[in-house]
């Protein structure tokens, strides 16, 4: 579980990131990244009904949160990141999700 300071909660913050952030697409996820004025990065995870039922969506979100938590010390501060799961994330195991997310973070220079 991510600390409260590392979470994005408000709808207005999500909308700001969608509007002003940089979009990077991976095989299983889409990431929007916008800079913030904080010393640490914040994350939000979104999973639509196209992904599957609630069990599948929540499992994918839990796994993505675990990946972020395990790599939090490598991630540069000062960014707001929204991660959107794609419909095919159900086909990926934990290692593939981790590889996809970390490669996107490297492209965005978050790592």
PDB file of N, CA and C in Angstrom:
ATOM      1  N   UNK A   1       0.844  -1.176   0.000  1.00  0.00           N
ATOM      2  CA  UNK A   1       0.000   0.000   0.000  1.00  0.00           C
ATOM      3  C   UNK A   1       0.889   1.240   0.000  1.00  0.00           C
ATOM      4  N   UNK A   2       0.522   2.179  -0.808  1.00  0.00           N
ATOM      5  CA  UNK A   2       1.265   3.435  -0.870  1.00  0.00           C
ATOM      6  C   UNK A   2       0.854   4.352   0.275  1.00  0.00           C
ATOM      7  N   UNK A   3       1.810   5.121   0.771  1.00  0.00           N
ATOM      8  CA  UNK A   3       1.495   6.121   1.790  1.00  0.00           C
ATOM      9  C   UNK A   3       0.513   7.126   1.216  1.00  0.00           C
ATOM     10  N   UNK A   4      -0.203   7.791   2.090  1.00  0.00           N
ATOM     11  CA  UNK A   4      -1.211   8.752   1.659  1.00  0.00           C
ATOM     12  C   UNK A   4      -0.602   9.886   0.840  1.00  0.00           C
ATOM     13  N   UNK A   5       0.611  10.299   1.187  1.00  0.00           N
ATOM     14  CA  UNK A   5       1.237  11.402   0.460  1.00  0.00           C
ATOM     15  C   UNK A   5       1.616  11.014  -0.969  1.00  0.00           C
ATOM     16  N   UNK A   6       1.705   9.724  -1.261  1.00  0.00           N
ATOM     17  CA  UNK A   6       2.063   9.257  -2.598  1.00  0.00           C
ATOM     18  C   UNK A   6       0.839   8.945  -3.463  1.00  0.00           C
ATOM     19  N   UNK A   7      -0.365   9.279  -2.989  1.00  0.00           N
ATOM     20  CA  UNK A   7      -1.586   8.978  -3.740  1.00  0.00           C
ATOM     21  C   UNK A   7      -2.210  10.244  -4.314  1.00  0.00           C
ATOM     22  N   UNK A   8      -2.837  10.093  -5.460  1.00  0.00           N
ATOM     23  CA  UNK A   8      -3.644  11.161  -6.050  1.00  0.00           C
ATOM     24  C   UNK A   8      -5.092  10.788  -5.767  1.00  0.00           C
ATOM     25  N   UNK A   9      -5.844  11.703  -5.165  1.00  0.00           N
ATOM     26  CA  UNK A   9      -7.205  11.379  -4.745  1.00  0.00           C
ATOM     27  C   UNK A   9      -8.279  12.210  -5.429  1.00  0.00           C
ATOM     28  N   UNK A  10      -8.011  13.455  -5.718  1.00  0.00           N
ATOM     29  CA  UNK A  10      -9.058  14.360  -6.171  1.00  0.00           C
ATOM     30  C   UNK A  10      -9.275  14.293  -7.676  1.00  0.00           C
ATOM     31  N   UNK A  11     -10.537  14.375  -8.068  1.00  0.00           N
ATOM     32  CA  UNK A  11     -10.913  14.338  -9.479  1.00  0.00           C
ATOM     33  C   UNK A  11     -10.255  15.479 -10.245  1.00  0.00           C
ATOM     34  N   UNK A  12     -10.162  16.652  -9.635  1.00  0.00           N
ATOM     35  CA  UNK A  12      -9.545  17.806 -10.294  1.00  0.00           C
ATOM     36  C   UNK A  12      -8.070  17.539 -10.600  1.00  0.00           C
ATOM     37  N   UNK A  13      -7.390  16.820  -9.724  1.00  0.00           N
ATOM     38  CA  UNK A  13      -5.985  16.485  -9.963  1.00  0.00           C
ATOM     39  C   UNK A  13      -5.852  15.511 -11.129  1.00  0.00           C
ATOM     40  N   UNK A  14      -6.747  14.525 -11.189  1.00  0.00           N
ATOM     41  CA  UNK A  14      -6.734  13.596 -12.318  1.00  0.00           C
ATOM     42  C   UNK A  14      -6.974  14.355 -13.629  1.00  0.00           C
ATOM     43  N   UNK A  15      -7.973  15.233 -13.638  1.00  0.00           N
ATOM     44  CA  UNK A  15      -8.284  15.995 -14.849  1.00  0.00           C
ATOM     45  C   UNK A  15      -7.114  16.870 -15.277  1.00  0.00           C
ATOM     46  N   UNK A  16      -6.417  17.488 -14.320  1.00  0.00           N
ATOM     47  CA  UNK A  16      -5.255  18.318 -14.630  1.00  0.00           C
ATOM     48  C   UNK A  16      -4.156  17.478 -15.289  1.00  0.00           C
ATOM     49  N   UNK A  17      -3.922  16.293 -14.763  1.00  0.00           N
ATOM     50  CA  UNK A  17      -2.876  15.426 -15.314  1.00  0.00           C
ATOM     51  C   UNK A  17      -3.257  14.953 -16.710  1.00  0.00           C
ATOM     52  N   UNK A  18      -4.533  14.600 -16.917  1.00  0.00           N
ATOM     53  CA  UNK A  18      -4.977  14.191 -18.251  1.00  0.00           C
ATOM     54  C   UNK A  18      -4.794  15.323 -19.255  1.00  0.00           C
ATOM     55  N   UNK A  19      -5.113  16.533 -18.844  1.00  0.00           N
ATOM     56  CA  UNK A  19      -5.076  17.677 -19.747  1.00  0.00           C
ATOM     57  C   UNK A  19      -3.652  18.159 -20.017  1.00  0.00           C
ATOM     58  N   UNK A  20      -2.818  18.228 -18.987  1.00  0.00           N
ATOM     59  CA  UNK A  20      -1.499  18.837 -19.114  1.00  0.00           C
ATOM     60  C   UNK A  20      -0.339  17.848 -19.104  1.00  0.00           C
ATOM     61  N   UNK A  21      -0.618  16.594 -18.856  1.00  0.00           N
ATOM     62  CA  UNK A  21       0.452  15.611 -18.737  1.00  0.00           C
ATOM     63  C   UNK A  21       0.891  15.039 -20.071  1.00  0.00           C
ATOM     64  N   UNK A  22       2.038  14.394 -20.030  1.00  0.00           N
ATOM     65  CA  UNK A  22       2.584  13.705 -21.196  1.00  0.00           C
ATOM     66  C   UNK A  22       2.064  12.266 -21.179  1.00  0.00           C
ATOM     67  N   UNK A  23       1.613  11.787 -22.334  1.00  0.00           N
ATOM     68  CA  UNK A  23       1.027  10.452 -22.436  1.00  0.00           C
ATOM     69  C   UNK A  23       2.051   9.492 -23.035  1.00  0.00           C
ATOM     70  N   UNK A  24       2.269   8.377 -22.349  1.00  0.00           N
ATOM     71  CA  UNK A  24       3.161   7.334 -22.848  1.00  0.00           C
ATOM     72  C   UNK A  24       2.404   6.013 -22.783  1.00  0.00           C
ATOM     73  N   UNK A  25       2.404   5.292 -23.908  1.00  0.00           N
ATOM     74  CA  UNK A  25       1.662   4.035 -23.972  1.00  0.00           C
ATOM     75  C   UNK A  25       2.608   2.852 -23.934  1.00  0.00           C
ATOM     76  N   UNK A  26       2.210   1.855 -23.170  1.00  0.00           N
ATOM     77  CA  UNK A  26       2.918   0.593 -23.122  1.00  0.00           C
ATOM     78  C   UNK A  26       2.023  -0.504 -23.665  1.00  0.00           C
ATOM     79  N   UNK A  27       2.486  -1.719 -23.536  1.00  0.00           N
ATOM     80  CA  UNK A  27       1.710  -2.845 -24.047  1.00  0.00           C
ATOM     81  C   UNK A  27       0.463  -3.112 -23.201  1.00  0.00           C
ATOM     82  N   UNK A  28       0.596  -2.957 -21.889  1.00  0.00           N
ATOM     83  CA  UNK A  28      -0.510  -3.279 -20.988  1.00  0.00           C
ATOM     84  C   UNK A  28      -1.076  -2.077 -20.243  1.00  0.00           C
ATOM     85  N   UNK A  29      -0.367  -0.944 -20.274  1.00  0.00           N
ATOM     86  CA  UNK A  29      -0.809   0.235 -19.533  1.00  0.00           C
ATOM     87  C   UNK A  29      -0.552   1.509 -20.324  1.00  0.00           C
ATOM     88  N   UNK A  30      -1.268   2.559 -19.945  1.00  0.00           N
ATOM     89  CA  UNK A  30      -1.063   3.909 -20.471  1.00  0.00           C
ATOM     90  C   UNK A  30      -0.747   4.785 -19.269  1.00  0.00           C
ATOM     91  N   UNK A  31       0.256   5.656 -19.413  1.00  0.00           N
ATOM     92  CA  UNK A  31       0.682   6.492 -18.296  1.00  0.00           C
ATOM     93  C   UNK A  31       0.631   7.959 -18.702  1.00  0.00           C
ATOM     94  N   UNK A  32       0.024   8.780 -17.849  1.00  0.00           N
ATOM     95  CA  UNK A  32       0.045  10.234 -17.995  1.00  0.00           C
ATOM     96  C   UNK A  32       0.947  10.779 -16.895  1.00  0.00           C
ATOM     97  N   UNK A  33       1.899  11.647 -17.266  1.00  0.00           N
ATOM     98  CA  UNK A  33       2.850  12.192 -16.300  1.00  0.00           C
ATOM     99  C   UNK A  33       2.864  13.706 -16.398  1.00  0.00           C
ATOM    100  N   UNK A  34       2.707  14.368 -15.261  1.00  0.00           N
ATOM    101  CA  UNK A  34       2.786  15.828 -15.181  1.00  0.00           C
ATOM    102  C   UNK A  34       3.673  16.183 -13.992  1.00  0.00           C
ATOM    103  N   UNK A  35       4.393  17.278 -14.101  1.00  0.00           N
ATOM    104  CA  UNK A  35       5.259  17.678 -12.992  1.00  0.00           C
ATOM    105  C   UNK A  35       4.423  18.333 -11.892  1.00  0.00           C
ATOM    106  N   UNK A  36       4.927  18.238 -10.666  1.00  0.00           N
ATOM    107  CA  UNK A  36       4.294  18.914  -9.535  1.00  0.00           C
ATOM    108  C   UNK A  36       5.364  19.673  -8.757  1.00  0.00           C
ATOM    109  N   UNK A  37       4.967  20.410  -7.765  1.00  0.00           N
ATOM    110  CA  UNK A  37       5.909  21.231  -7.003  1.00  0.00           C
ATOM    111  C   UNK A  37       6.362  20.551  -5.714  1.00  0.00           C
ATOM    112  N   UNK A  38       6.023  19.298  -5.545  1.00  0.00           N
ATOM    113  CA  UNK A  38       6.360  18.562  -4.327  1.00  0.00           C
ATOM    114  C   UNK A  38       7.721  17.880  -4.463  1.00  0.00           C
ATOM    115  N   UNK A  39       8.284  17.458  -3.361  1.00  0.00           N
ATOM    116  CA  UNK A  39       9.575  16.772  -3.372  1.00  0.00           C
ATOM    117  C   UNK A  39       9.431  15.281  -3.679  1.00  0.00           C
ATOM    118  N   UNK A  40       8.227  14.789  -3.712  1.00  0.00           N
ATOM    119  CA  UNK A  40       7.978  13.375  -3.941  1.00  0.00           C
ATOM    120  C   UNK A  40       6.969  13.224  -5.076  1.00  0.00           C
ATOM    121  N   UNK A  41       6.899  12.028  -5.628  1.00  0.00           N
ATOM    122  CA  UNK A  41       5.956  11.749  -6.708  1.00  0.00           C
ATOM    123  C   UNK A  41       4.677  11.151  -6.140  1.00  0.00           C
ATOM    124  N   UNK A  42       3.570  11.386  -6.862  1.00  0.00           N
ATOM    125  CA  UNK A  42       2.272  10.840  -6.465  1.00  0.00           C
ATOM    126  C   UNK A  42       1.727   9.996  -7.613  1.00  0.00           C
ATOM    127  N   UNK A  43       0.917   9.005  -7.271  1.00  0.00           N
ATOM    128  CA  UNK A  43       0.424   8.055  -8.255  1.00  0.00           C
ATOM    129  C   UNK A  43      -1.073   7.826  -8.097  1.00  0.00           C
ATOM    130  N   UNK A  44      -1.731   7.598  -9.223  1.00  0.00           N
ATOM    131  CA  UNK A  44      -3.125   7.201  -9.252  1.00  0.00           C
ATOM    132  C   UNK A  44      -3.272   6.084 -10.268  1.00  0.00           C
ATOM    133  N   UNK A  45      -4.107   5.116  -9.978  1.00  0.00           N
ATOM    134  CA  UNK A  45      -4.307   3.979 -10.877  1.00  0.00           C
ATOM    135  C   UNK A  45      -5.783   3.903 -11.231  1.00  0.00           C
ATOM    136  N   UNK A  46      -6.059   3.809 -12.538  1.00  0.00           N
ATOM    137  CA  UNK A  46      -7.424   3.774 -13.050  1.00  0.00           C
ATOM    138  C   UNK A  46      -7.589   2.505 -13.874  1.00  0.00           C
ATOM    139  N   UNK A  47      -8.711   1.834 -13.689  1.00  0.00           N
ATOM    140  CA  UNK A  47      -8.998   0.626 -14.447  1.00  0.00           C
ATOM    141  C   UNK A  47     -10.461   0.662 -14.876  1.00  0.00           C
ATOM    142  N   UNK A  48     -10.708   0.669 -16.182  1.00  0.00           N
ATOM    143  CA  UNK A  48     -12.077   0.772 -16.682  1.00  0.00           C
ATOM    144  C   UNK A  48     -12.751  -0.597 -16.713  1.00  0.00           C
ATOM    145  N   UNK A  49     -14.041  -0.593 -16.968  1.00  0.00           N
ATOM    146  CA  UNK A  49     -14.796  -1.842 -17.028  1.00  0.00           C
ATOM    147  C   UNK A  49     -14.407  -2.696 -18.232  1.00  0.00           C
ATOM    148  N   UNK A  50     -13.723  -2.113 -19.202  1.00  0.00           N
ATOM    149  CA  UNK A  50     -13.249  -2.890 -20.349  1.00  0.00           C
ATOM    150  C   UNK A  50     -12.216  -3.927 -19.917  1.00  0.00           C
ATOM    151  N   UNK A  51     -11.562  -3.668 -18.793  1.00  0.00           N
ATOM    152  CA  UNK A  51     -10.531  -4.574 -18.291  1.00  0.00           C
ATOM    153  C   UNK A  51     -11.132  -5.891 -17.819  1.00  0.00           C
ATOM    154  N   UNK A  52     -12.293  -5.848 -17.213  1.00  0.00           N
ATOM    155  CA  UNK A  52     -12.925  -7.058 -16.702  1.00  0.00           C
ATOM    156  C   UNK A  52     -13.800  -6.724 -15.514  1.00  0.00           C
ATOM    157  N   UNK A  53     -14.202  -7.754 -14.789  1.00  0.00           N
ATOM    158  CA  UNK A  53     -15.057  -7.508 -13.624  1.00  0.00           C
ATOM    159  C   UNK A  53     -14.233  -6.914 -12.477  1.00  0.00           C
ATOM    160  N   UNK A  54     -14.880  -6.619 -11.376  1.00  0.00           N
ATOM    161  CA  UNK A  54     -14.235  -5.928 -10.258  1.00  0.00           C
ATOM    162  C   UNK A  54     -13.045  -6.707  -9.705  1.00  0.00           C
ATOM    163  N   UNK A  55     -13.147  -8.015  -9.670  1.00  0.00           N
ATOM    164  CA  UNK A  55     -12.056  -8.836  -9.150  1.00  0.00           C
ATOM    165  C   UNK A  55     -10.806  -8.662 -10.002  1.00  0.00           C
ATOM    166  N   UNK A  56     -10.973  -8.705 -11.308  1.00  0.00           N
ATOM    167  CA  UNK A  56      -9.846  -8.568 -12.236  1.00  0.00           C
ATOM    168  C   UNK A  56      -9.252  -7.167 -12.161  1.00  0.00           C
ATOM    169  N   UNK A  57     -10.113  -6.152 -12.139  1.00  0.00           N
ATOM    170  CA  UNK A  57      -9.634  -4.763 -12.074  1.00  0.00           C
ATOM    171  C   UNK A  57      -8.854  -4.505 -10.790  1.00  0.00           C
ATOM    172  N   UNK A  58      -9.400  -4.958  -9.666  1.00  0.00           N
ATOM    173  CA  UNK A  58      -8.733  -4.728  -8.386  1.00  0.00           C
ATOM    174  C   UNK A  58      -7.420  -5.495  -8.274  1.00  0.00           C
ATOM    175  N   UNK A  59      -7.365  -6.678  -8.852  1.00  0.00           N
ATOM    176  CA  UNK A  59      -6.118  -7.456  -8.846  1.00  0.00           C
ATOM    177  C   UNK A  59      -5.035  -6.723  -9.621  1.00  0.00           C
ATOM    178  N   UNK A  60      -5.392  -6.195 -10.790  1.00  0.00           N
ATOM    179  CA  UNK A  60      -4.427  -5.448 -11.599  1.00  0.00           C
ATOM    180  C   UNK A  60      -3.947  -4.201 -10.855  1.00  0.00           C
ATOM    181  N   UNK A  61      -4.867  -3.497 -10.212  1.00  0.00           N
ATOM    182  CA  UNK A  61      -4.482  -2.291  -9.463  1.00  0.00           C
ATOM    183  C   UNK A  61      -3.583  -2.635  -8.276  1.00  0.00           C
ATOM    184  N   UNK A  62      -3.891  -3.723  -7.581  1.00  0.00           N
ATOM    185  CA  UNK A  62      -3.046  -4.155  -6.454  1.00  0.00           C
ATOM    186  C   UNK A  62      -1.635  -4.482  -6.923  1.00  0.00           C
ATOM    187  N   UNK A  63      -1.537  -5.177  -8.052  1.00  0.00           N
ATOM    188  CA  UNK A  63      -0.224  -5.540  -8.570  1.00  0.00           C
ATOM    189  C   UNK A  63       0.564  -4.304  -8.997  1.00  0.00           C
ATOM    190  N   UNK A  64      -0.098  -3.349  -9.643  1.00  0.00           N
ATOM    191  CA  UNK A  64       0.589  -2.123 -10.042  1.00  0.00           C
ATOM    192  C   UNK A  64       1.038  -1.326  -8.816  1.00  0.00           C
ATOM    193  N   UNK A  65       0.205  -1.269  -7.780  1.00  0.00           N
ATOM    194  CA  UNK A  65       0.604  -0.592  -6.545  1.00  0.00           C
ATOM    195  C   UNK A  65       1.822  -1.259  -5.920  1.00  0.00           C
ATOM    196  N   UNK A  66       1.870  -2.583  -5.964  1.00  0.00           N
ATOM    197  CA  UNK A  66       3.012  -3.315  -5.410  1.00  0.00           C
ATOM    198  C   UNK A  66       4.286  -3.014  -6.198  1.00  0.00           C
ATOM    199  N   UNK A  67       4.169  -2.921  -7.515  1.00  0.00           N
ATOM    200  CA  UNK A  67       5.330  -2.588  -8.349  1.00  0.00           C
ATOM    201  C   UNK A  67       5.846  -1.199  -7.995  1.00  0.00           C
ATOM    202  N   UNK A  68       4.933  -0.247  -7.865  1.00  0.00           N
ATOM    203  CA  UNK A  68       5.336   1.119  -7.502  1.00  0.00           C
ATOM    204  C   UNK A  68       5.975   1.123  -6.118  1.00  0.00           C
ATOM    205  N   UNK A  69       5.360   0.440  -5.166  1.00  0.00           N
ATOM    206  CA  UNK A  69       5.879   0.401  -3.796  1.00  0.00           C
ATOM    207  C   UNK A  69       7.288  -0.200  -3.756  1.00  0.00           C
ATOM    208  N   UNK A  70       7.521  -1.267  -4.522  1.00  0.00           N
ATOM    209  CA  UNK A  70       8.829  -1.922  -4.537  1.00  0.00           C
ATOM    210  C   UNK A  70       9.908  -1.061  -5.180  1.00  0.00           C
ATOM    211  N   UNK A  71       9.529  -0.160  -6.076  1.00  0.00           N
ATOM    212  CA  UNK A  71      10.499   0.661  -6.803  1.00  0.00           C
ATOM    213  C   UNK A  71      10.440   2.134  -6.424  1.00  0.00           C
ATOM    214  N   UNK A  72       9.773   2.463  -5.343  1.00  0.00           N
ATOM    215  CA  UNK A  72       9.572   3.856  -4.952  1.00  0.00           C
ATOM    216  C   UNK A  72      10.884   4.588  -4.686  1.00  0.00           C
ATOM    217  N   UNK A  73      11.877   3.876  -4.168  1.00  0.00           N
ATOM    218  CA  UNK A  73      13.157   4.525  -3.887  1.00  0.00           C
ATOM    219  C   UNK A  73      13.926   4.878  -5.163  1.00  0.00           C
ATOM    220  N   UNK A  74      13.618   4.247  -6.283  1.00  0.00           N
ATOM    221  CA  UNK A  74      14.282   4.539  -7.559  1.00  0.00           C
ATOM    222  C   UNK A  74      13.612   5.688  -8.316  1.00  0.00           C
ATOM    223  N   UNK A  75      12.358   5.975  -7.999  1.00  0.00           N
ATOM    224  CA  UNK A  75      11.570   6.939  -8.764  1.00  0.00           C
ATOM    225  C   UNK A  75      11.896   8.356  -8.322  1.00  0.00           C
ATOM    226  N   UNK A  76      12.166   9.222  -9.294  1.00  0.00           N
ATOM    227  CA  UNK A  76      12.469  10.626  -9.018  1.00  0.00           C
ATOM    228  C   UNK A  76      11.238  11.334  -8.469  1.00  0.00           C
ATOM    229  N   UNK A  77      11.450  12.331  -7.634  1.00  0.00           N
ATOM    230  CA  UNK A  77      10.362  13.101  -7.054  1.00  0.00           C
ATOM    231  C   UNK A  77       9.913  14.224  -7.969  1.00  0.00           C
ATOM    232  N   UNK A  78       8.756  14.790  -7.661  1.00  0.00           N
ATOM    233  CA  UNK A  78       8.272  15.953  -8.386  1.00  0.00           C
ATOM    234  C   UNK A  78       7.360  15.659  -9.557  1.00  0.00           C
ATOM    235  N   UNK A  79       6.732  14.477  -9.585  1.00  0.00           N
ATOM    236  CA  UNK A  79       5.845  14.134 -10.694  1.00  0.00           C
ATOM    237  C   UNK A  79       4.536  13.553 -10.172  1.00  0.00           C
ATOM    238  N   UNK A  80       3.459  13.861 -10.880  1.00  0.00           N
ATOM    239  CA  UNK A  80       2.172  13.213 -10.667  1.00  0.00           C
ATOM    240  C   UNK A  80       1.970  12.242 -11.815  1.00  0.00           C
ATOM    241  N   UNK A  81       1.621  11.019 -11.507  1.00  0.00           N
ATOM    242  CA  UNK A  81       1.511   9.971 -12.511  1.00  0.00           C
ATOM    243  C   UNK A  81       0.164   9.273 -12.384  1.00  0.00           C
ATOM    244  N   UNK A  82      -0.550   9.170 -13.507  1.00  0.00           N
ATOM    245  CA  UNK A  82      -1.792   8.399 -13.558  1.00  0.00           C
ATOM    246  C   UNK A  82      -1.546   7.204 -14.468  1.00  0.00           C
ATOM    247  N   UNK A  83      -1.811   6.015 -13.952  1.00  0.00           N
ATOM    248  CA  UNK A  83      -1.616   4.774 -14.692  1.00  0.00           C
ATOM    249  C   UNK A  83      -2.990   4.218 -15.032  1.00  0.00           C
ATOM    250  N   UNK A  84      -3.213   3.978 -16.323  1.00  0.00           N
ATOM    251  CA  UNK A  84      -4.490   3.433 -16.791  1.00  0.00           C
ATOM    252  C   UNK A  84      -4.237   2.028 -17.327  1.00  0.00           C
ATOM    253  N   UNK A  85      -5.000   1.062 -16.834  1.00  0.00           N
ATOM    254  CA  UNK A  85      -4.837  -0.307 -17.314  1.00  0.00           C
ATOM    255  C   UNK A  85      -5.535  -0.459 -18.659  1.00  0.00           C
ATOM    256  N   UNK A  86      -4.927  -1.218 -19.539  1.00  0.00           N
ATOM    257  CA  UNK A  86      -5.552  -1.524 -20.824  1.00  0.00           C
ATOM    258  C   UNK A  86      -6.320  -2.839 -20.694  1.00  0.00           C
ATOM    259  N   UNK A  87      -7.167  -3.111 -21.683  1.00  0.00           N
ATOM    260  CA  UNK A  87      -8.031  -4.289 -21.626  1.00  0.00           C
ATOM    261  C   UNK A  87      -7.240  -5.595 -21.565  1.00  0.00           C
ATOM    262  N   UNK A  88      -6.019  -5.620 -22.125  1.00  0.00           N
ATOM    263  CA  UNK A  88      -5.256  -6.867 -22.209  1.00  0.00           C
ATOM    264  C   UNK A  88      -4.353  -7.108 -21.000  1.00  0.00           C
ATOM    265  N   UNK A  89      -4.495  -6.320 -19.948  1.00  0.00           N
ATOM    266  CA  UNK A  89      -3.652  -6.511 -18.759  1.00  0.00           C
ATOM    267  C   UNK A  89      -3.945  -7.850 -18.085  1.00  0.00           C
ATOM    268  N   UNK A  90      -5.107  -8.417 -18.354  1.00  0.00           N
ATOM    269  CA  UNK A  90      -5.455  -9.717 -17.773  1.00  0.00           C
ATOM    270  C   UNK A  90      -4.570 -10.830 -18.328  1.00  0.00           C
ATOM    271  N   UNK A  91      -3.970 -10.606 -19.484  1.00  0.00           N
ATOM    272  CA  UNK A  91      -3.095 -11.604 -20.105  1.00  0.00           C
ATOM    273  C   UNK A  91      -1.675 -11.549 -19.553  1.00  0.00           C
ATOM    274  N   UNK A  92      -1.349 -10.494 -18.822  1.00  0.00           N
ATOM    275  CA  UNK A  92       0.011 -10.297 -18.329  1.00  0.00           C
ATOM    276  C   UNK A  92       0.156 -10.820 -16.906  1.00  0.00           C
ATOM    277  N   UNK A  93       1.305 -11.414 -16.632  1.00  0.00           N
ATOM    278  CA  UNK A  93       1.597 -11.771 -15.252  1.00  0.00           C
ATOM    279  C   UNK A  93       2.363 -10.620 -14.594  1.00  0.00           C
ATOM    280  N   UNK A  94       2.725 -10.799 -13.344  1.00  0.00           N
ATOM    281  CA  UNK A  94       3.341  -9.724 -12.562  1.00  0.00           C
ATOM    282  C   UNK A  94       4.641  -9.236 -13.201  1.00  0.00           C
ATOM    283  N   UNK A  95       5.465 -10.151 -13.673  1.00  0.00           N
ATOM    284  CA  UNK A  95       6.763  -9.780 -14.261  1.00  0.00           C
ATOM    285  C   UNK A  95       6.585  -8.949 -15.529  1.00  0.00           C
ATOM    286  N   UNK A  96       5.623  -9.308 -16.369  1.00  0.00           N
ATOM    287  CA  UNK A  96       5.382  -8.539 -17.595  1.00  0.00           C
ATOM    288  C   UNK A  96       4.863  -7.141 -17.277  1.00  0.00           C
ATOM    289  N   UNK A  97       3.973  -7.043 -16.281  1.00  0.00           N
ATOM    290  CA  UNK A  97       3.473  -5.724 -15.869  1.00  0.00           C
ATOM    291  C   UNK A  97       4.609  -4.865 -15.341  1.00  0.00           C
ATOM    292  N   UNK A  98       5.469  -5.469 -14.522  1.00  0.00           N
ATOM    293  CA  UNK A  98       6.593  -4.727 -13.952  1.00  0.00           C
ATOM    294  C   UNK A  98       7.538  -4.249 -15.048  1.00  0.00           C
ATOM    295  N   UNK A  99       7.824  -5.112 -15.994  1.00  0.00           N
ATOM    296  CA  UNK A  99       8.707  -4.750 -17.104  1.00  0.00           C
ATOM    297  C   UNK A  99       8.111  -3.607 -17.917  1.00  0.00           C
ATOM    298  N   UNK A 100       6.819  -3.675 -18.200  1.00  0.00           N
ATOM    299  CA  UNK A 100       6.138  -2.643 -18.982  1.00  0.00           C
ATOM    300  C   UNK A 100       6.133  -1.304 -18.248  1.00  0.00           C
ATOM    301  N   UNK A 101       5.774  -1.318 -16.971  1.00  0.00           N
ATOM    302  CA  UNK A 101       5.701  -0.075 -16.199  1.00  0.00           C
ATOM    303  C   UNK A 101       7.081   0.558 -16.033  1.00  0.00           C
ATOM    304  N   UNK A 102       8.088  -0.240 -15.710  1.00  0.00           N
ATOM    305  CA  UNK A 102       9.428   0.318 -15.517  1.00  0.00           C
ATOM    306  C   UNK A 102      10.020   0.839 -16.820  1.00  0.00           C
ATOM    307  N   UNK A 103       9.706   0.199 -17.942  1.00  0.00           N
ATOM    308  CA  UNK A 103      10.200   0.716 -19.226  1.00  0.00           C
ATOM    309  C   UNK A 103       9.545   2.057 -19.558  1.00  0.00           C
ATOM    310  N   UNK A 104       8.281   2.219 -19.219  1.00  0.00           N
ATOM    311  CA  UNK A 104       7.612   3.507 -19.427  1.00  0.00           C
ATOM    312  C   UNK A 104       8.218   4.567 -18.514  1.00  0.00           C
ATOM    313  N   UNK A 105       8.482   4.207 -17.259  1.00  0.00           N
ATOM    314  CA  UNK A 105       9.110   5.158 -16.340  1.00  0.00           C
ATOM    315  C   UNK A 105      10.494   5.576 -16.835  1.00  0.00           C
ATOM    316  N   UNK A 106      11.233   4.654 -17.446  1.00  0.00           N
ATOM    317  CA  UNK A 106      12.551   5.009 -17.994  1.00  0.00           C
ATOM    318  C   UNK A 106      12.416   5.947 -19.186  1.00  0.00           C
ATOM    319  N   UNK A 107      11.422   5.696 -20.040  1.00  0.00           N
ATOM    320  CA  UNK A 107      11.171   6.593 -21.178  1.00  0.00           C
ATOM    321  C   UNK A 107      10.853   8.000 -20.703  1.00  0.00           C
ATOM    322  N   UNK A 108      10.098   8.086 -19.618  1.00  0.00           N
ATOM    323  CA  UNK A 108       9.678   9.378 -19.080  1.00  0.00           C
ATOM    324  C   UNK A 108      10.740   9.992 -18.168  1.00  0.00           C
ATOM    325  N   UNK A 109      11.839   9.283 -17.981  1.00  0.00           N
ATOM    326  CA  UNK A 109      12.942   9.719 -17.111  1.00  0.00           C
ATOM    327  C   UNK A 109      12.510   9.871 -15.650  1.00  0.00           C
ATOM    328  N   UNK A 110      11.606   9.013 -15.231  1.00  0.00           N
ATOM    329  CA  UNK A 110      11.226   8.967 -13.821  1.00  0.00           C
ATOM    330  C   UNK A 110      12.202   8.120 -13.019  1.00  0.00           C
ATOM    331  N   UNK A 111      12.905   7.232 -13.709  1.00  0.00           N
ATOM    332  CA  UNK A 111      13.909   6.374 -13.060  1.00  0.00           C
ATOM    333  C   UNK A 111      15.275   6.761 -13.588  1.00  0.00           C
TER     334      UNK A 111
END
